[in-house]
Amino acid sequence: MLLAVDIGNSNLVFGLYAQNEWQYHWRLQTIIEKSGPEYEINLRNYFLEQNLSLSEVTGIIISSVVPVLTPVVRDMLWYLFGKEPQVVNPEIIKQLPLGVVKPHEIGSDLVANAMAGYALFKENCVVVDFGTALTFTTISAEGNILGVAIAPGLKTSIYALYRDTAKLPDIEIPLELPTSAIGKSTEHALQAGVLLGYVGLVEHLINRIREELGGECKIVATGGLSSIITPLEQHFDKLEPLLTIDGLRLIYDFIHKS
């Protein structure tokens, strides 16, 4: 059983893959102050709850965009399972069947997204990842990563408004699209500006990327918030919540078969 771990800014996503499918997957909140033993307790408890044995894990691969947590999680997993985790780094990225112009700059999560997105379609495609950051990774029909667009994620945008303005209250706004763009209350105004604006941002960038590619391309969405913005569903050929860890699986398989 393969254990794939995606260490993101908001969550750590874990997946256990066997018999050609993801048997289990779960999330833990990213807390950079948390120690390895604390994360270990979380994993041990999950395995106990699912009646799983630690010995069932035969391989481990990690993607991380939180450098301070990478050694903490890597060493914890190494100790817990007795196997050295494979951490996706620039040297590994250079070996992959993807054209990557700057392997030292691109996030390993985006490379995993590209691996999985290209495997789905084998043609021009864009992976839209709705996370702490909103990212658009464009892959050519030949399997080359052409580039990436990055914008603040939905929750990041809302948090920035609360943090950097004096009078906007720190309230939880419903992540539901309002019927009007003319807000009649603070909550409604935030919904109108952030949520409707977010839809416009995604639609415009998808259309702009299509225009620059000079033709059609497939669009796949992933990330923790990808199912929230309902009007965008018409733009997506696929919605794959586990795309990133599936890309990690493909990277692991490629490394161990080459």
C-alpha atoms as a PDB file:
ATOM      1  CA  MET A   1       0.000   0.000   0.000  1.00  0.00           C
ATOM      2  CA  LEU A   2       1.398   3.392  -1.004  1.00  0.00           C
ATOM      3  CA  LEU A   3       1.113   6.327   1.390  1.00  0.00           C
ATOM      4  CA  ALA A   4       1.054   9.697  -0.397  1.00  0.00           C
ATOM      5  CA  VAL A   5       1.305  12.908   1.628  1.00  0.00           C
ATOM      6  CA  ASP A   6       0.669  16.415   0.297  1.00  0.00           C
ATOM      7  CA  ILE A   7       1.877  19.019   2.809  1.00  0.00           C
ATOM      8  CA  GLY A   8       0.010  22.217   1.978  1.00  0.00           C
ATOM      9  CA  ASN A   9      -0.277  25.600   3.643  1.00  0.00           C
ATOM     10  CA  SER A  10      -3.740  24.859   5.041  1.00  0.00           C
ATOM     11  CA  ASN A  11      -3.889  21.063   5.237  1.00  0.00           C
ATOM     12  CA  LEU A  12      -1.857  17.893   5.089  1.00  0.00           C
ATOM     13  CA  VAL A  13      -3.626  15.446   2.783  1.00  0.00           C
ATOM     14  CA  PHE A  14      -2.916  11.741   3.261  1.00  0.00           C
ATOM     15  CA  GLY A  15      -3.912   8.945   0.907  1.00  0.00           C
ATOM     16  CA  LEU A  16      -3.465   5.159   0.969  1.00  0.00           C
ATOM     17  CA  TYR A  17      -3.440   3.553  -2.469  1.00  0.00           C
ATOM     18  CA  ALA A  18      -3.855  -0.161  -3.196  1.00  0.00           C
ATOM     19  CA  GLN A  19      -5.636  -2.377  -5.727  1.00  0.00           C
ATOM     20  CA  ASN A  20      -5.788   0.441  -8.294  1.00  0.00           C
ATOM     21  CA  GLU A  21      -7.702   2.905  -6.144  1.00  0.00           C
ATOM     22  CA  TRP A  22      -7.445   5.224  -3.180  1.00  0.00           C
ATOM     23  CA  GLN A  23      -8.664   3.070  -0.318  1.00  0.00           C
ATOM     24  CA  TYR A  24      -8.426   5.804   2.316  1.00  0.00           C
ATOM     25  CA  HIS A  25      -7.789   9.530   2.368  1.00  0.00           C
ATOM     26  CA  TRP A  26      -7.968  12.138   5.105  1.00  0.00           C
ATOM     27  CA  ARG A  27      -6.819  15.624   6.079  1.00  0.00           C
ATOM     28  CA  LEU A  28      -5.075  17.210   9.032  1.00  0.00           C
ATOM     29  CA  GLN A  29      -4.838  20.946   9.582  1.00  0.00           C
ATOM     30  CA  THR A  30      -1.372  22.322   8.874  1.00  0.00           C
ATOM     31  CA  ILE A  31       0.103  23.572  12.151  1.00  0.00           C
ATOM     32  CA  ILE A  32       3.767  24.443  11.776  1.00  0.00           C
ATOM     33  CA  GLU A  33       4.293  24.492  15.562  1.00  0.00           C
ATOM     34  CA  LYS A  34       3.150  20.876  15.809  1.00  0.00           C
ATOM     35  CA  SER A  35       5.874  18.335  16.548  1.00  0.00           C
ATOM     36  CA  GLY A  36       6.590  15.057  14.787  1.00  0.00           C
ATOM     37  CA  PRO A  37       5.301  12.988  17.743  1.00  0.00           C
ATOM     38  CA  GLU A  38       2.022  14.935  17.684  1.00  0.00           C
ATOM     39  CA  TYR A  39       1.513  14.173  13.987  1.00  0.00           C
ATOM     40  CA  GLU A  40       2.505  10.577  14.718  1.00  0.00           C
ATOM     41  CA  ILE A  41      -0.302  10.257  17.271  1.00  0.00           C
ATOM     42  CA  ASN A  42      -2.787  11.492  14.646  1.00  0.00           C
ATOM     43  CA  LEU A  43      -1.620   8.848  12.165  1.00  0.00           C
ATOM     44  CA  ARG A  44      -1.555   6.023  14.705  1.00  0.00           C
ATOM     45  CA  ASN A  45      -5.100   6.885  15.770  1.00  0.00           C
ATOM     46  CA  TYR A  46      -6.315   6.940  12.169  1.00  0.00           C
ATOM     47  CA  PHE A  47      -4.787   3.536  11.445  1.00  0.00           C
ATOM     48  CA  LEU A  48      -6.386   2.136  14.599  1.00  0.00           C
ATOM     49  CA  GLU A  49      -9.793   3.586  13.685  1.00  0.00           C
ATOM     50  CA  GLN A  50      -9.606   2.008  10.218  1.00  0.00           C
ATOM     51  CA  ASN A  51      -8.253  -1.288  11.590  1.00  0.00           C
ATOM     52  CA  LEU A  52      -5.120  -0.914   9.472  1.00  0.00           C
ATOM     53  CA  SER A  53      -1.651  -2.213  10.232  1.00  0.00           C
ATOM     54  CA  LEU A  54       1.375   0.065   9.849  1.00  0.00           C
ATOM     55  CA  SER A  55       3.143  -2.826   8.108  1.00  0.00           C
ATOM     56  CA  GLU A  56       0.682  -2.570   5.190  1.00  0.00           C
ATOM     57  CA  VAL A  57       2.476   0.574   3.984  1.00  0.00           C
ATOM     58  CA  THR A  58       5.130  -0.470   1.463  1.00  0.00           C
ATOM     59  CA  GLY A  59       6.147   2.947   0.115  1.00  0.00           C
ATOM     60  CA  ILE A  60       5.856   6.637   1.000  1.00  0.00           C
ATOM     61  CA  ILE A  61       6.010   9.767  -1.155  1.00  0.00           C
ATOM     62  CA  ILE A  62       5.761  13.376   0.004  1.00  0.00           C
ATOM     63  CA  SER A  63       5.095  16.706  -1.679  1.00  0.00           C
ATOM     64  CA  SER A  64       5.577  19.801   0.455  1.00  0.00           C
ATOM     65  CA  VAL A  65       5.198  23.544  -0.001  1.00  0.00           C
ATOM     66  CA  VAL A  66       5.886  24.151   3.700  1.00  0.00           C
ATOM     67  CA  PRO A  67       9.686  23.771   4.036  1.00  0.00           C
ATOM     68  CA  VAL A  68       9.726  23.950   7.837  1.00  0.00           C
ATOM     69  CA  LEU A  69       7.375  20.946   8.045  1.00  0.00           C
ATOM     70  CA  THR A  70       9.095  18.788   5.427  1.00  0.00           C
ATOM     71  CA  PRO A  71      11.762  17.273   7.725  1.00  0.00           C
ATOM     72  CA  VAL A  72       9.307  17.021  10.618  1.00  0.00           C
ATOM     73  CA  VAL A  73       6.823  14.932   8.619  1.00  0.00           C
ATOM     74  CA  ARG A  74       9.501  13.015   6.696  1.00  0.00           C
ATOM     75  CA  ASP A  75      11.332  11.922   9.849  1.00  0.00           C
ATOM     76  CA  MET A  76       8.082  11.087  11.632  1.00  0.00           C
ATOM     77  CA  LEU A  77       6.949   8.850   8.764  1.00  0.00           C
ATOM     78  CA  TRP A  78      10.387   7.240   8.488  1.00  0.00           C
ATOM     79  CA  TYR A  79      10.312   6.391  12.203  1.00  0.00           C
ATOM     80  CA  LEU A  80       6.668   5.264  12.201  1.00  0.00           C
ATOM     81  CA  PHE A  81       6.792   2.998   9.144  1.00  0.00           C
ATOM     82  CA  GLY A  82      10.481   2.099   9.069  1.00  0.00           C
ATOM     83  CA  LYS A  83      10.792   3.169   5.434  1.00  0.00           C
ATOM     84  CA  GLU A  84      12.517   6.198   3.956  1.00  0.00           C
ATOM     85  CA  PRO A  85       9.928   8.532   2.398  1.00  0.00           C
ATOM     86  CA  GLN A  86      10.560   9.825  -1.119  1.00  0.00           C
ATOM     87  CA  VAL A  87      10.362  13.642  -1.049  1.00  0.00           C
ATOM     88  CA  VAL A  88       9.658  15.235  -4.441  1.00  0.00           C
ATOM     89  CA  ASN A  89      12.499  17.695  -5.081  1.00  0.00           C
ATOM     90  CA  PRO A  90      14.094  19.392  -8.121  1.00  0.00           C
ATOM     91  CA  GLU A  91      16.346  16.400  -8.814  1.00  0.00           C
ATOM     92  CA  ILE A  92      13.344  14.089  -8.991  1.00  0.00           C
ATOM     93  CA  ILE A  93      11.386  16.613 -11.061  1.00  0.00           C
ATOM     94  CA  LYS A  94      14.201  16.659 -13.643  1.00  0.00           C
ATOM     95  CA  GLN A  95      13.797  12.889 -14.137  1.00  0.00           C
ATOM     96  CA  LEU A  96      10.067  13.000 -14.856  1.00  0.00           C
ATOM     97  CA  PRO A  97       8.543  12.752 -18.348  1.00  0.00           C
ATOM     98  CA  LEU A  98       7.437  16.382 -18.095  1.00  0.00           C
ATOM     99  CA  GLY A  99       9.130  19.389 -19.617  1.00  0.00           C
ATOM    100  CA  VAL A 100       9.778  21.726 -16.680  1.00  0.00           C
ATOM    101  CA  VAL A 101      11.669  24.934 -17.468  1.00  0.00           C
ATOM    102  CA  LYS A 102      12.620  25.837 -13.872  1.00  0.00           C
ATOM    103  CA  PRO A 103      12.446  22.721 -11.661  1.00  0.00           C
ATOM    104  CA  HIS A 104      13.981  24.628  -8.723  1.00  0.00           C
ATOM    105  CA  GLU A 105      11.142  27.188  -8.752  1.00  0.00           C
ATOM    106  CA  ILE A 106       7.971  25.202  -9.398  1.00  0.00           C
ATOM    107  CA  GLY A 107       6.090  23.733  -6.442  1.00  0.00           C
ATOM    108  CA  SER A 108       6.124  19.958  -6.171  1.00  0.00           C
ATOM    109  CA  ASP A 109       2.338  20.012  -5.744  1.00  0.00           C
ATOM    110  CA  LEU A 110       1.983  21.704  -9.135  1.00  0.00           C
ATOM    111  CA  VAL A 111       4.238  19.079 -10.711  1.00  0.00           C
ATOM    112  CA  ALA A 112       2.065  16.356  -9.183  1.00  0.00           C
ATOM    113  CA  ASN A 113      -1.027  18.119 -10.548  1.00  0.00           C
ATOM    114  CA  ALA A 114       0.569  18.253 -13.997  1.00  0.00           C
ATOM    115  CA  MET A 115       1.471  14.548 -13.922  1.00  0.00           C
ATOM    116  CA  ALA A 116      -2.080  13.560 -13.040  1.00  0.00           C
ATOM    117  CA  GLY A 117      -3.784  16.099 -15.314  1.00  0.00           C
ATOM    118  CA  TYR A 118      -1.755  15.073 -18.349  1.00  0.00           C
ATOM    119  CA  ALA A 119      -2.347  11.379 -17.610  1.00  0.00           C
ATOM    120  CA  LEU A 120      -6.103  12.019 -17.711  1.00  0.00           C
ATOM    121  CA  PHE A 121      -6.214  13.635 -21.144  1.00  0.00           C
ATOM    122  CA  LYS A 122      -2.876  13.370 -23.006  1.00  0.00           C
ATOM    123  CA  GLU A 123      -3.677  16.712 -24.652  1.00  0.00           C
ATOM    124  CA  ASN A 124      -3.523  20.421 -23.836  1.00  0.00           C
ATOM    125  CA  CYS A 125      -4.921  20.831 -20.347  1.00  0.00           C
ATOM    126  CA  VAL A 126      -5.109  23.233 -17.429  1.00  0.00           C
ATOM    127  CA  VAL A 127      -5.223  22.127 -13.801  1.00  0.00           C
ATOM    128  CA  VAL A 128      -7.074  24.634 -11.617  1.00  0.00           C
ATOM    129  CA  ASP A 129      -6.212  24.046  -7.960  1.00  0.00           C
ATOM    130  CA  PHE A 130      -8.444  25.781  -5.414  1.00  0.00           C
ATOM    131  CA  GLY A 131      -6.301  25.939  -2.289  1.00  0.00           C
ATOM    132  CA  THR A 132      -4.615  28.517  -0.083  1.00  0.00           C
ATOM    133  CA  ALA A 133      -3.431  29.839  -3.425  1.00  0.00           C
ATOM    134  CA  LEU A 134      -5.486  29.541  -6.605  1.00  0.00           C
ATOM    135  CA  THR A 135      -3.226  28.067  -9.288  1.00  0.00           C
ATOM    136  CA  PHE A 136      -3.600  27.381 -12.998  1.00  0.00           C
ATOM    137  CA  THR A 137      -0.999  24.923 -14.338  1.00  0.00           C
ATOM    138  CA  THR A 138      -0.960  24.619 -18.131  1.00  0.00           C
ATOM    139  CA  ILE A 139       0.357  21.439 -19.763  1.00  0.00           C
ATOM    140  CA  SER A 140       0.853  20.974 -23.512  1.00  0.00           C
ATOM    141  CA  ALA A 141      -0.282  18.015 -25.598  1.00  0.00           C
ATOM    142  CA  GLU A 142       3.369  16.908 -25.596  1.00  0.00           C
ATOM    143  CA  GLY A 143       3.452  16.762 -21.794  1.00  0.00           C
ATOM    144  CA  ASN A 144       5.392  19.958 -21.138  1.00  0.00           C
ATOM    145  CA  ILE A 145       4.490  22.317 -18.308  1.00  0.00           C
ATOM    146  CA  LEU A 146       4.075  25.580 -20.204  1.00  0.00           C
ATOM    147  CA  GLY A 147       3.636  27.756 -17.150  1.00  0.00           C
ATOM    148  CA  VAL A 148       1.564  28.651 -14.112  1.00  0.00           C
ATOM    149  CA  ALA A 149      -0.720  31.496 -13.001  1.00  0.00           C
ATOM    150  CA  ILE A 150      -1.075  32.125  -9.256  1.00  0.00           C
ATOM    151  CA  ALA A 151      -3.671  34.198  -7.392  1.00  0.00           C
ATOM    152  CA  PRO A 152      -4.757  34.367  -3.744  1.00  0.00           C
ATOM    153  CA  GLY A 153      -7.099  31.565  -2.753  1.00  0.00           C
ATOM    154  CA  LEU A 154     -10.684  32.251  -1.767  1.00  0.00           C
ATOM    155  CA  LYS A 155     -10.186  31.997   1.993  1.00  0.00           C
ATOM    156  CA  THR A 156      -6.844  33.805   1.714  1.00  0.00           C
ATOM    157  CA  SER A 157      -8.589  36.746   0.031  1.00  0.00           C
ATOM    158  CA  ILE A 158     -11.258  36.913   2.731  1.00  0.00           C
ATOM    159  CA  TYR A 159      -8.680  36.702   5.524  1.00  0.00           C
ATOM    160  CA  ALA A 160      -6.581  39.472   3.945  1.00  0.00           C
ATOM    161  CA  LEU A 161      -9.607  41.791   3.977  1.00  0.00           C
ATOM    162  CA  TYR A 162     -10.199  41.187   7.682  1.00  0.00           C
ATOM    163  CA  ARG A 163      -6.501  41.518   8.514  1.00  0.00           C
ATOM    164  CA  ASP A 164      -5.743  44.656   6.526  1.00  0.00           C
ATOM    165  CA  THR A 165      -8.908  46.712   7.005  1.00  0.00           C
ATOM    166  CA  ALA A 166      -9.912  48.501  10.196  1.00  0.00           C
ATOM    167  CA  LYS A 167     -13.696  48.214  10.096  1.00  0.00           C
ATOM    168  CA  LEU A 168     -14.564  44.976   8.328  1.00  0.00           C
ATOM    169  CA  PRO A 169     -15.612  42.495  11.032  1.00  0.00           C
ATOM    170  CA  ASP A 170     -13.956  39.100  11.350  1.00  0.00           C
ATOM    171  CA  ILE A 171     -17.062  37.053  10.610  1.00  0.00           C
ATOM    172  CA  GLU A 172     -17.583  33.768   8.821  1.00  0.00           C
ATOM    173  CA  ILE A 173     -19.348  34.543   5.569  1.00  0.00           C
ATOM    174  CA  PRO A 174     -21.324  31.745   3.922  1.00  0.00           C
ATOM    175  CA  LEU A 175     -19.440  30.447   0.889  1.00  0.00           C
ATOM    176  CA  GLU A 176     -22.558  30.782  -1.242  1.00  0.00           C
ATOM    177  CA  LEU A 177     -22.974  32.968  -4.304  1.00  0.00           C
ATOM    178  CA  PRO A 178     -25.360  35.884  -3.708  1.00  0.00           C
ATOM    179  CA  THR A 179     -28.210  36.531  -6.126  1.00  0.00           C
ATOM    180  CA  SER A 180     -27.138  40.161  -6.518  1.00  0.00           C
ATOM    181  CA  ALA A 181     -23.782  41.876  -6.965  1.00  0.00           C
ATOM    182  CA  ILE A 182     -25.118  44.896  -5.059  1.00  0.00           C
ATOM    183  CA  GLY A 183     -24.545  44.064  -1.393  1.00  0.00           C
ATOM    184  CA  LYS A 184     -27.160  45.244   1.109  1.00  0.00           C
ATOM    185  CA  SER A 185     -25.134  44.298   4.210  1.00  0.00           C
ATOM    186  CA  THR A 186     -21.482  43.746   5.085  1.00  0.00           C
ATOM    187  CA  GLU A 187     -21.892  39.990   4.770  1.00  0.00           C
ATOM    188  CA  HIS A 188     -23.693  40.338   1.426  1.00  0.00           C
ATOM    189  CA  ALA A 189     -21.103  42.848   0.198  1.00  0.00           C
ATOM    190  CA  LEU A 190     -18.267  40.424   0.970  1.00  0.00           C
ATOM    191  CA  GLN A 191     -20.107  37.602  -0.777  1.00  0.00           C
ATOM    192  CA  ALA A 192     -20.711  39.799  -3.812  1.00  0.00           C
ATOM    193  CA  GLY A 193     -17.178  41.109  -4.077  1.00  0.00           C
ATOM    194  CA  VAL A 194     -15.151  38.055  -3.131  1.00  0.00           C
ATOM    195  CA  LEU A 195     -17.272  35.168  -4.410  1.00  0.00           C
ATOM    196  CA  LEU A 196     -18.635  36.733  -7.601  1.00  0.00           C
ATOM    197  CA  GLY A 197     -15.241  38.307  -8.228  1.00  0.00           C
ATOM    198  CA  TYR A 198     -13.616  34.900  -7.759  1.00  0.00           C
ATOM    199  CA  VAL A 199     -15.901  33.350 -10.367  1.00  0.00           C
ATOM    200  CA  GLY A 200     -14.981  36.131 -12.784  1.00  0.00           C
ATOM    201  CA  LEU A 201     -11.275  35.649 -12.076  1.00  0.00           C
ATOM    202  CA  VAL A 202     -11.400  31.919 -12.793  1.00  0.00           C
ATOM    203  CA  GLU A 203     -13.541  32.325 -15.916  1.00  0.00           C
ATOM    204  CA  HIS A 204     -11.313  35.060 -17.321  1.00  0.00           C
ATOM    205  CA  LEU A 205      -8.060  33.188 -16.744  1.00  0.00           C
ATOM    206  CA  ILE A 206      -9.431  29.987 -18.276  1.00  0.00           C
ATOM    207  CA  ASN A 207     -10.593  31.918 -21.345  1.00  0.00           C
ATOM    208  CA  ARG A 208      -7.297  33.818 -21.572  1.00  0.00           C
ATOM    209  CA  ILE A 209      -5.232  30.625 -21.363  1.00  0.00           C
ATOM    210  CA  ARG A 210      -7.385  29.000 -24.056  1.00  0.00           C
ATOM    211  CA  GLU A 211      -6.854  32.054 -26.247  1.00  0.00           C
ATOM    212  CA  GLU A 212      -3.083  31.963 -25.746  1.00  0.00           C
ATOM    213  CA  LEU A 213      -2.963  28.241 -26.524  1.00  0.00           C
ATOM    214  CA  GLY A 214      -4.801  28.982 -29.748  1.00  0.00           C
ATOM    215  CA  GLY A 215      -7.351  26.230 -29.374  1.00  0.00           C
ATOM    216  CA  GLU A 216      -9.275  23.948 -27.105  1.00  0.00           C
ATOM    217  CA  CYS A 217      -7.861  22.474 -23.932  1.00  0.00           C
ATOM    218  CA  LYS A 218      -9.201  20.287 -21.164  1.00  0.00           C
ATOM    219  CA  ILE A 219      -9.812  21.811 -17.734  1.00  0.00           C
ATOM    220  CA  VAL A 220      -9.565  19.778 -14.534  1.00  0.00           C
ATOM    221  CA  ALA A 221     -10.300  21.229 -11.101  1.00  0.00           C
ATOM    222  CA  THR A 222      -8.970  20.072  -7.757  1.00  0.00           C
ATOM    223  CA  GLY A 223      -8.368  21.354  -4.236  1.00  0.00           C
ATOM    224  CA  GLY A 224     -10.363  21.738  -1.078  1.00  0.00           C
ATOM    225  CA  LEU A 225     -12.668  24.457  -2.430  1.00  0.00           C
ATOM    226  CA  SER A 226     -13.136  23.236  -6.006  1.00  0.00           C
ATOM    227  CA  SER A 227     -16.692  22.026  -5.368  1.00  0.00           C
ATOM    228  CA  ILE A 228     -17.936  25.325  -3.862  1.00  0.00           C
ATOM    229  CA  ILE A 229     -18.213  27.603  -6.892  1.00  0.00           C
ATOM    230  CA  THR A 230     -21.108  25.890  -8.686  1.00  0.00           C
ATOM    231  CA  PRO A 231     -21.301  28.227 -11.738  1.00  0.00           C
ATOM    232  CA  LEU A 232     -17.762  27.239 -12.683  1.00  0.00           C
ATOM    233  CA  GLU A 233     -18.646  23.570 -13.128  1.00  0.00           C
ATOM    234  CA  GLN A 234     -19.583  24.213 -16.756  1.00  0.00           C
ATOM    235  CA  HIS A 235     -15.936  25.115 -17.435  1.00  0.00           C
ATOM    236  CA  PHE A 236     -14.506  21.892 -15.981  1.00  0.00           C
ATOM    237  CA  ASP A 237     -14.119  18.675 -17.931  1.00  0.00           C
ATOM    238  CA  LYS A 238     -13.335  16.881 -14.691  1.00  0.00           C
ATOM    239  CA  LEU A 239     -13.465  17.541 -10.958  1.00  0.00           C
ATOM    240  CA  GLU A 240     -10.788  15.447  -9.220  1.00  0.00           C
ATOM    241  CA  PRO A 241     -10.461  16.170  -5.475  1.00  0.00           C
ATOM    242  CA  LEU A 242      -7.552  13.706  -5.128  1.00  0.00           C
ATOM    243  CA  LEU A 243      -5.645  14.848  -8.218  1.00  0.00           C
ATOM    244  CA  THR A 244      -2.523  15.991  -6.336  1.00  0.00           C
ATOM    245  CA  ILE A 245      -1.958  12.776  -4.406  1.00  0.00           C
ATOM    246  CA  ASP A 246      -2.767  10.802  -7.545  1.00  0.00           C
ATOM    247  CA  GLY A 247       0.005  12.735  -9.268  1.00  0.00           C
ATOM    248  CA  LEU A 248       2.301  11.763  -6.400  1.00  0.00           C
ATOM    249  CA  ARG A 249       1.392   8.136  -7.022  1.00  0.00           C
ATOM    250  CA  LEU A 250       2.327   8.514 -10.701  1.00  0.00           C
ATOM    251  CA  ILE A 251       5.637  10.133  -9.744  1.00  0.00           C
ATOM    252  CA  TYR A 252       6.378   7.302  -7.309  1.00  0.00           C
ATOM    253  CA  ASP A 253       5.562   4.661  -9.928  1.00  0.00           C
ATOM    254  CA  PHE A 254       7.727   6.386 -12.546  1.00  0.00           C
ATOM    255  CA  ILE A 255      10.716   6.671 -10.206  1.00  0.00           C
ATOM    256  CA  HIS A 256      10.528   3.045  -9.157  1.00  0.00           C
ATOM    257  CA  LYS A 257      10.037   1.691 -12.669  1.00  0.00           C
ATOM    258  CA  SER A 258      12.862   3.676 -14.284  1.00  0.00           C
END
